């Protein structure tokens, strides 16, 4: 966009260049942050989704068994209390 005022034209060009530079800078920062996060996560030895689901199922089963055992213990304690 050309105006009659060359100062405004120059300011518009500078602003456009600055916006472009900041966009490139943002892209570079995002790329480096992604790389650093990938390195950090790789070093953490986290389980994959399948492993997580297996352990989650095992924990749910253990909670169920624990509740059943609590009920059984309560029954046995009640029988002992009656004697």
PDB file of N, CA and C in Angstrom:
ATOM      1  N   UNK A   1       0.856  -1.174   0.000  1.00  0.00           N
ATOM      2  CA  UNK A   1       0.000   0.000   0.000  1.00  0.00           C
ATOM      3  C   UNK A   1       0.895   1.228   0.000  1.00  0.00           C
ATOM      4  N   UNK A   2       0.751   2.033  -0.979  1.00  0.00           N
ATOM      5  CA  UNK A   2       1.537   3.251  -1.109  1.00  0.00           C
ATOM      6  C   UNK A   2       0.712   4.441  -0.644  1.00  0.00           C
ATOM      7  N   UNK A   3       1.353   5.322   0.117  1.00  0.00           N
ATOM      8  CA  UNK A   3       0.714   6.565   0.545  1.00  0.00           C
ATOM      9  C   UNK A   3       1.536   7.711   0.000  1.00  0.00           C
ATOM     10  N   UNK A   4       1.074   8.888   0.237  1.00  0.00           N
ATOM     11  CA  UNK A   4       1.815  10.071  -0.208  1.00  0.00           C
ATOM     12  C   UNK A   4       2.973  10.380   0.732  1.00  0.00           C
ATOM     13  N   UNK A   5       2.954   9.780   1.884  1.00  0.00           N
ATOM     14  CA  UNK A   5       3.975  10.049   2.879  1.00  0.00           C
ATOM     15  C   UNK A   5       4.992   8.899   2.878  1.00  0.00           C
ATOM     16  N   UNK A   6       6.231   9.149   2.428  1.00  0.00           N
ATOM     17  CA  UNK A   6       7.218   8.072   2.371  1.00  0.00           C
ATOM     18  C   UNK A   6       7.607   7.539   3.752  1.00  0.00           C
ATOM     19  N   UNK A   7       7.481   8.344   4.777  1.00  0.00           N
ATOM     20  CA  UNK A   7       7.791   7.884   6.133  1.00  0.00           C
ATOM     21  C   UNK A   7       6.817   6.782   6.537  1.00  0.00           C
ATOM     22  N   UNK A   8       5.544   6.980   6.246  1.00  0.00           N
ATOM     23  CA  UNK A   8       4.554   5.954   6.565  1.00  0.00           C
ATOM     24  C   UNK A   8       4.797   4.692   5.756  1.00  0.00           C
ATOM     25  N   UNK A   9       5.202   4.856   4.494  1.00  0.00           N
ATOM     26  CA  UNK A   9       5.522   3.681   3.672  1.00  0.00           C
ATOM     27  C   UNK A   9       6.688   2.905   4.278  1.00  0.00           C
ATOM     28  N   UNK A  10       7.725   3.622   4.706  1.00  0.00           N
ATOM     29  CA  UNK A  10       8.886   2.972   5.315  1.00  0.00           C
ATOM     30  C   UNK A  10       8.497   2.279   6.625  1.00  0.00           C
ATOM     31  N   UNK A  11       7.667   2.936   7.430  1.00  0.00           N
ATOM     32  CA  UNK A  11       7.210   2.337   8.687  1.00  0.00           C
ATOM     33  C   UNK A  11       6.419   1.056   8.426  1.00  0.00           C
ATOM     34  N   UNK A  12       5.601   1.063   7.392  1.00  0.00           N
ATOM     35  CA  UNK A  12       4.822  -0.122   7.040  1.00  0.00           C
ATOM     36  C   UNK A  12       5.752  -1.262   6.631  1.00  0.00           C
ATOM     37  N   UNK A  13       6.815  -0.934   5.865  1.00  0.00           N
ATOM     38  CA  UNK A  13       7.772  -1.965   5.463  1.00  0.00           C
ATOM     39  C   UNK A  13       8.511  -2.526   6.676  1.00  0.00           C
ATOM     40  N   UNK A  14       8.907  -1.656   7.601  1.00  0.00           N
ATOM     41  CA  UNK A  14       9.609  -2.093   8.799  1.00  0.00           C
ATOM     42  C   UNK A  14       8.698  -2.986   9.644  1.00  0.00           C
ATOM     43  N   UNK A  15       7.451  -2.570   9.790  1.00  0.00           N
ATOM     44  CA  UNK A  15       6.508  -3.356  10.582  1.00  0.00           C
ATOM     45  C   UNK A  15       6.282  -4.727   9.957  1.00  0.00           C
ATOM     46  N   UNK A  16       6.169  -4.777   8.646  1.00  0.00           N
ATOM     47  CA  UNK A  16       5.972  -6.045   7.950  1.00  0.00           C
ATOM     48  C   UNK A  16       7.200  -6.944   8.125  1.00  0.00           C
ATOM     49  N   UNK A  17       8.381  -6.355   8.001  1.00  0.00           N
ATOM     50  CA  UNK A  17       9.617  -7.120   8.191  1.00  0.00           C
ATOM     51  C   UNK A  17       9.753  -7.627   9.611  1.00  0.00           C
ATOM     52  N   UNK A  18       9.385  -6.797  10.586  1.00  0.00           N
ATOM     53  CA  UNK A  18       9.474  -7.202  11.993  1.00  0.00           C
ATOM     54  C   UNK A  18       8.505  -8.344  12.279  1.00  0.00           C
ATOM     55  N   UNK A  19       7.305  -8.249  11.732  1.00  0.00           N
ATOM     56  CA  UNK A  19       6.315  -9.312  11.942  1.00  0.00           C
ATOM     57  C   UNK A  19       6.826 -10.618  11.348  1.00  0.00           C
ATOM     58  N   UNK A  20       7.441 -10.544  10.193  1.00  0.00           N
ATOM     59  CA  UNK A  20       7.987 -11.738   9.554  1.00  0.00           C
ATOM     60  C   UNK A  20       9.130 -12.315  10.380  1.00  0.00           C
ATOM     61  N   UNK A  21       9.990 -11.452  10.891  1.00  0.00           N
ATOM     62  CA  UNK A  21      11.114 -11.910  11.711  1.00  0.00           C
ATOM     63  C   UNK A  21      10.612 -12.565  12.991  1.00  0.00           C
ATOM     64  N   UNK A  22       9.617 -11.974  13.630  1.00  0.00           N
ATOM     65  CA  UNK A  22       9.072 -12.550  14.862  1.00  0.00           C
ATOM     66  C   UNK A  22       8.399 -13.891  14.598  1.00  0.00           C
ATOM     67  N   UNK A  23       7.765 -14.008  13.452  1.00  0.00           N
ATOM     68  CA  UNK A  23       7.123 -15.276  13.100  1.00  0.00           C
ATOM     69  C   UNK A  23       8.182 -16.363  12.933  1.00  0.00           C
ATOM     70  N   UNK A  24       9.274 -16.029  12.254  1.00  0.00           N
ATOM     71  CA  UNK A  24      10.366 -16.987  12.089  1.00  0.00           C
ATOM     72  C   UNK A  24      11.010 -17.338  13.417  1.00  0.00           C
ATOM     73  N   UNK A  25      11.167 -16.361  14.281  1.00  0.00           N
ATOM     74  CA  UNK A  25      11.735 -16.577  15.602  1.00  0.00           C
ATOM     75  C   UNK A  25      10.834 -17.497  16.425  1.00  0.00           C
ATOM     76  N   UNK A  26       9.535 -17.246  16.369  1.00  0.00           N
ATOM     77  CA  UNK A  26       8.583 -18.091  17.090  1.00  0.00           C
ATOM     78  C   UNK A  26       8.666 -19.534  16.609  1.00  0.00           C
ATOM     79  N   UNK A  27       8.735 -19.730  15.302  1.00  0.00           N
ATOM     80  CA  UNK A  27       8.849 -21.079  14.749  1.00  0.00           C
ATOM     81  C   UNK A  27      10.123 -21.773  15.226  1.00  0.00           C
ATOM     82  N   UNK A  28      11.230 -21.031  15.255  1.00  0.00           N
ATOM     83  CA  UNK A  28      12.503 -21.591  15.715  1.00  0.00           C
ATOM     84  C   UNK A  28      12.441 -21.963  17.191  1.00  0.00           C
ATOM     85  N   UNK A  29      11.843 -21.119  18.004  1.00  0.00           N
ATOM     86  CA  UNK A  29      11.712 -21.399  19.442  1.00  0.00           C
ATOM     87  C   UNK A  29      10.839 -22.626  19.661  1.00  0.00           C
ATOM     88  N   UNK A  30       9.708 -22.711  18.962  1.00  0.00           N
ATOM     89  CA  UNK A  30       8.823 -23.860  19.099  1.00  0.00           C
ATOM     90  C   UNK A  30       9.545 -25.154  18.713  1.00  0.00           C
ATOM     91  N   UNK A  31      10.333 -25.099  17.657  1.00  0.00           N
ATOM     92  CA  UNK A  31      11.071 -26.276  17.210  1.00  0.00           C
ATOM     93  C   UNK A  31      12.083 -26.714  18.270  1.00  0.00           C
ATOM     94  N   UNK A  32      12.807 -25.772  18.837  1.00  0.00           N
ATOM     95  CA  UNK A  32      13.796 -26.118  19.864  1.00  0.00           C
ATOM     96  C   UNK A  32      13.138 -26.638  21.135  1.00  0.00           C
ATOM     97  N   UNK A  33      12.009 -26.053  21.508  1.00  0.00           N
ATOM     98  CA  UNK A  33      11.295 -26.532  22.696  1.00  0.00           C
ATOM     99  C   UNK A  33      10.805 -27.955  22.464  1.00  0.00           C
ATOM    100  N   UNK A  34      10.259 -28.235  21.265  1.00  0.00           N
ATOM    101  CA  UNK A  34       9.817 -29.591  20.953  1.00  0.00           C
ATOM    102  C   UNK A  34      10.974 -30.585  21.042  1.00  0.00           C
ATOM    103  N   UNK A  35      12.132 -30.201  20.485  1.00  0.00           N
ATOM    104  CA  UNK A  35      13.302 -31.081  20.537  1.00  0.00           C
ATOM    105  C   UNK A  35      13.730 -31.347  21.982  1.00  0.00           C
ATOM    106  N   UNK A  36      13.768 -30.297  22.791  1.00  0.00           N
ATOM    107  CA  UNK A  36      14.167 -30.460  24.189  1.00  0.00           C
ATOM    108  C   UNK A  36      13.178 -31.337  24.957  1.00  0.00           C
ATOM    109  N   UNK A  37      11.888 -31.146  24.712  1.00  0.00           N
ATOM    110  CA  UNK A  37      10.867 -31.966  25.382  1.00  0.00           C
ATOM    111  C   UNK A  37      10.998 -33.428  24.957  1.00  0.00           C
ATOM    112  N   UNK A  38      11.279 -33.677  23.683  1.00  0.00           N
ATOM    113  CA  UNK A  38      11.452 -35.046  23.201  1.00  0.00           C
ATOM    114  C   UNK A  38      12.645 -35.701  23.893  1.00  0.00           C
ATOM    115  N   UNK A  39      13.746 -34.972  24.018  1.00  0.00           N
ATOM    116  CA  UNK A  39      14.931 -35.511  24.705  1.00  0.00           C
ATOM    117  C   UNK A  39      14.616 -35.792  26.173  1.00  0.00           C
ATOM    118  N   UNK A  40      13.919 -34.879  26.804  1.00  0.00           N
ATOM    119  CA  UNK A  40      13.571 -35.040  28.215  1.00  0.00           C
ATOM    120  C   UNK A  40      12.672 -36.252  28.420  1.00  0.00           C
ATOM    121  N   UNK A  41      11.656 -36.403  27.590  1.00  0.00           N
ATOM    122  CA  UNK A  41      10.733 -37.529  27.715  1.00  0.00           C
ATOM    123  C   UNK A  41      11.405 -38.855  27.394  1.00  0.00           C
ATOM    124  N   UNK A  42      12.318 -38.856  26.426  1.00  0.00           N
ATOM    125  CA  UNK A  42      13.032 -40.091  26.090  1.00  0.00           C
ATOM    126  C   UNK A  42      13.853 -40.586  27.278  1.00  0.00           C
ATOM    127  N   UNK A  43      14.408 -39.671  28.041  1.00  0.00           N
ATOM    128  CA  UNK A  43      15.231 -40.041  29.178  1.00  0.00           C
ATOM    129  C   UNK A  43      14.445 -40.457  30.404  1.00  0.00           C
ATOM    130  N   UNK A  44      13.134 -40.303  30.388  1.00  0.00           N
ATOM    131  CA  UNK A  44      12.311 -40.586  31.561  1.00  0.00           C
ATOM    132  C   UNK A  44      11.856 -42.042  31.636  1.00  0.00           C
ATOM    133  N   UNK A  45      12.044 -42.813  30.576  1.00  0.00           N
ATOM    134  CA  UNK A  45      11.656 -44.219  30.570  1.00  0.00           C
ATOM    135  C   UNK A  45      10.188 -44.396  30.976  1.00  0.00           C
ATOM    136  N   UNK A  46       9.317 -43.649  30.349  1.00  0.00           N
ATOM    137  CA  UNK A  46       7.885 -43.726  30.634  1.00  0.00           C
ATOM    138  C   UNK A  46       7.267 -44.937  29.940  1.00  0.00           C
ATOM    139  N   UNK A  47       6.237 -45.528  30.551  1.00  0.00           N
ATOM    140  CA  UNK A  47       5.586 -46.673  29.891  1.00  0.00           C
ATOM    141  C   UNK A  47       4.793 -46.201  28.673  1.00  0.00           C
ATOM    142  N   UNK A  48       4.650 -47.100  27.711  1.00  0.00           N
ATOM    143  CA  UNK A  48       3.802 -46.747  26.572  1.00  0.00           C
ATOM    144  C   UNK A  48       2.337 -46.965  26.958  1.00  0.00           C
ATOM    145  N   UNK A  49       1.433 -46.651  26.068  1.00  0.00           N
ATOM    146  CA  UNK A  49       0.004 -46.712  26.359  1.00  0.00           C
ATOM    147  C   UNK A  49      -0.434 -48.137  26.712  1.00  0.00           C
ATOM    148  N   UNK A  50       0.076 -49.111  25.968  1.00  0.00           N
ATOM    149  CA  UNK A  50      -0.314 -50.509  26.204  1.00  0.00           C
ATOM    150  C   UNK A  50       0.126 -50.963  27.600  1.00  0.00           C
ATOM    151  N   UNK A  51       1.363 -50.642  27.966  1.00  0.00           N
ATOM    152  CA  UNK A  51       1.858 -50.998  29.299  1.00  0.00           C
ATOM    153  C   UNK A  51       1.028 -50.331  30.392  1.00  0.00           C
ATOM    154  N   UNK A  52       0.686 -49.069  30.160  1.00  0.00           N
ATOM    155  CA  UNK A  52      -0.133 -48.335  31.130  1.00  0.00           C
ATOM    156  C   UNK A  52      -1.486 -49.009  31.318  1.00  0.00           C
ATOM    157  N   UNK A  53      -2.117 -49.402  30.219  1.00  0.00           N
ATOM    158  CA  UNK A  53      -3.436 -50.031  30.290  1.00  0.00           C
ATOM    159  C   UNK A  53      -3.375 -51.371  31.028  1.00  0.00           C
ATOM    160  N   UNK A  54      -2.309 -52.133  30.807  1.00  0.00           N
ATOM    161  CA  UNK A  54      -2.155 -53.421  31.489  1.00  0.00           C
ATOM    162  C   UNK A  54      -2.030 -53.197  32.997  1.00  0.00           C
ATOM    163  N   UNK A  55      -1.185 -52.267  33.392  1.00  0.00           N
ATOM    164  CA  UNK A  55      -0.999 -51.988  34.820  1.00  0.00           C
ATOM    165  C   UNK A  55      -2.278 -51.435  35.437  1.00  0.00           C
ATOM    166  N   UNK A  56      -2.987 -50.622  34.682  1.00  0.00           N
ATOM    167  CA  UNK A  56      -4.256 -50.062  35.170  1.00  0.00           C
ATOM    168  C   UNK A  56      -5.264 -51.186  35.426  1.00  0.00           C
ATOM    169  N   UNK A  57      -5.341 -52.144  34.506  1.00  0.00           N
ATOM    170  CA  UNK A  57      -6.256 -53.282  34.674  1.00  0.00           C
ATOM    171  C   UNK A  57      -5.844 -54.130  35.877  1.00  0.00           C
ATOM    172  N   UNK A  58      -4.540 -54.324  36.047  1.00  0.00           N
ATOM    173  CA  UNK A  58      -4.062 -55.095  37.196  1.00  0.00           C
ATOM    174  C   UNK A  58      -4.421 -54.393  38.508  1.00  0.00           C
ATOM    175  N   UNK A  59      -4.294 -53.083  38.538  1.00  0.00           N
ATOM    176  CA  UNK A  59      -4.616 -52.323  39.748  1.00  0.00           C
ATOM    177  C   UNK A  59      -6.111 -52.411  40.056  1.00  0.00           C
ATOM    178  N   UNK A  60      -6.954 -52.346  39.023  1.00  0.00           N
ATOM    179  CA  UNK A  60      -8.399 -52.457  39.230  1.00  0.00           C
ATOM    180  C   UNK A  60      -8.755 -53.836  39.783  1.00  0.00           C
ATOM    181  N   UNK A  61      -8.130 -54.874  39.241  1.00  0.00           N
ATOM    182  CA  UNK A  61      -8.377 -56.236  39.728  1.00  0.00           C
ATOM    183  C   UNK A  61      -7.910 -56.383  41.175  1.00  0.00           C
ATOM    184  N   UNK A  62      -6.762 -55.816  41.499  1.00  0.00           N
ATOM    185  CA  UNK A  62      -6.243 -55.879  42.872  1.00  0.00           C
ATOM    186  C   UNK A  62      -7.183 -55.159  43.840  1.00  0.00           C
ATOM    187  N   UNK A  63      -7.759 -54.023  43.416  1.00  0.00           N
ATOM    188  CA  UNK A  63      -8.721 -53.318  44.272  1.00  0.00           C
ATOM    189  C   UNK A  63      -9.962 -54.166  44.516  1.00  0.00           C
ATOM    190  N   UNK A  64     -10.440 -54.840  43.472  1.00  0.00           N
ATOM    191  CA  UNK A  64     -11.599 -55.726  43.620  1.00  0.00           C
ATOM    192  C   UNK A  64     -11.300 -56.852  44.610  1.00  0.00           C
ATOM    193  N   UNK A  65     -10.154 -57.492  44.421  1.00  0.00           N
ATOM    194  CA  UNK A  65      -9.768 -58.582  45.315  1.00  0.00           C
ATOM    195  C   UNK A  65      -9.604 -58.080  46.743  1.00  0.00           C
ATOM    196  N   UNK A  66      -9.083 -56.892  46.893  1.00  0.00           N
ATOM    197  CA  UNK A  66      -8.903 -56.305  48.219  1.00  0.00           C
ATOM    198  C   UNK A  66     -10.261 -56.103  48.904  1.00  0.00           C
ATOM    199  N   UNK A  67     -11.234 -55.630  48.161  1.00  0.00           N
ATOM    200  CA  UNK A  67     -12.579 -55.442  48.717  1.00  0.00           C
ATOM    201  C   UNK A  67     -13.194 -56.782  49.108  1.00  0.00           C
ATOM    202  N   UNK A  68     -13.002 -57.804  48.266  1.00  0.00           N
ATOM    203  CA  UNK A  68     -13.525 -59.133  48.584  1.00  0.00           C
ATOM    204  C   UNK A  68     -12.875 -59.679  49.860  1.00  0.00           C
ATOM    205  N   UNK A  69     -11.580 -59.475  49.990  1.00  0.00           N
ATOM    206  CA  UNK A  69     -10.883 -59.935  51.191  1.00  0.00           C
ATOM    207  C   UNK A  69     -11.346 -59.177  52.426  1.00  0.00           C
ATOM    208  N   UNK A  70     -11.591 -57.892  52.297  1.00  0.00           N
ATOM    209  CA  UNK A  70     -12.104 -57.118  53.436  1.00  0.00           C
ATOM    210  C   UNK A  70     -13.457 -57.662  53.894  1.00  0.00           C
ATOM    211  N   UNK A  71     -14.308 -57.973  52.913  1.00  0.00           N
ATOM    212  CA  UNK A  71     -15.620 -58.521  53.252  1.00  0.00           C
ATOM    213  C   UNK A  71     -15.467 -59.874  53.938  1.00  0.00           C
ATOM    214  N   UNK A  72     -14.577 -60.704  53.437  1.00  0.00           N
ATOM    215  CA  UNK A  72     -14.339 -62.026  54.036  1.00  0.00           C
ATOM    216  C   UNK A  72     -13.798 -61.899  55.457  1.00  0.00           C
ATOM    217  N   UNK A  73     -12.862 -60.982  55.663  1.00  0.00           N
ATOM    218  CA  UNK A  73     -12.311 -60.755  57.001  1.00  0.00           C
ATOM    219  C   UNK A  73     -13.400 -60.282  57.952  1.00  0.00           C
ATOM    220  N   UNK A  74     -14.253 -59.383  57.462  1.00  0.00           N
ATOM    221  CA  UNK A  74     -15.351 -58.890  58.304  1.00  0.00           C
ATOM    222  C   UNK A  74     -16.270 -60.034  58.710  1.00  0.00           C
ATOM    223  N   UNK A  75     -16.550 -60.950  57.779  1.00  0.00           N
ATOM    224  CA  UNK A  75     -17.385 -62.123  58.082  1.00  0.00           C
ATOM    225  C   UNK A  75     -16.734 -62.997  59.177  1.00  0.00           C
ATOM    226  N   UNK A  76     -15.448 -63.272  58.969  1.00  0.00           N
ATOM    227  CA  UNK A  76     -14.743 -64.116  59.936  1.00  0.00           C
ATOM    228  C   UNK A  76     -14.650 -63.453  61.315  1.00  0.00           C
ATOM    229  N   UNK A  77     -14.423 -62.149  61.343  1.00  0.00           N
ATOM    230  CA  UNK A  77     -14.391 -61.446  62.636  1.00  0.00           C
ATOM    231  C   UNK A  77     -15.735 -61.471  63.304  1.00  0.00           C
ATOM    232  N   UNK A  78     -16.816 -61.372  62.523  1.00  0.00           N
ATOM    233  CA  UNK A  78     -18.158 -61.442  63.094  1.00  0.00           C
ATOM    234  C   UNK A  78     -18.430 -62.823  63.688  1.00  0.00           C
ATOM    235  N   UNK A  79     -17.999 -63.869  62.989  1.00  0.00           N
ATOM    236  CA  UNK A  79     -18.166 -65.242  63.515  1.00  0.00           C
ATOM    237  C   UNK A  79     -17.376 -65.434  64.795  1.00  0.00           C
ATOM    238  N   UNK A  80     -16.165 -64.897  64.851  1.00  0.00           N
ATOM    239  CA  UNK A  80     -15.356 -65.009  66.067  1.00  0.00           C
ATOM    240  C   UNK A  80     -15.972 -64.240  67.220  1.00  0.00           C
ATOM    241  N   UNK A  81     -16.577 -63.105  66.929  1.00  0.00           N
ATOM    242  CA  UNK A  81     -17.200 -62.303  67.974  1.00  0.00           C
ATOM    243  C   UNK A  81     -18.421 -62.987  68.555  1.00  0.00           C
ATOM    244  N   UNK A  82     -19.086 -63.842  67.776  1.00  0.00           N
ATOM    245  CA  UNK A  82     -20.282 -64.542  68.258  1.00  0.00           C
ATOM    246  C   UNK A  82     -19.936 -65.681  69.211  1.00  0.00           C
ATOM    247  N   UNK A  83     -18.735 -66.178  69.194  1.00  0.00           N
ATOM    248  CA  UNK A  83     -18.344 -67.331  70.039  1.00  0.00           C
ATOM    249  C   UNK A  83     -18.113 -66.938  71.421  1.00  0.00           C
TER     250      UNK A  83
END
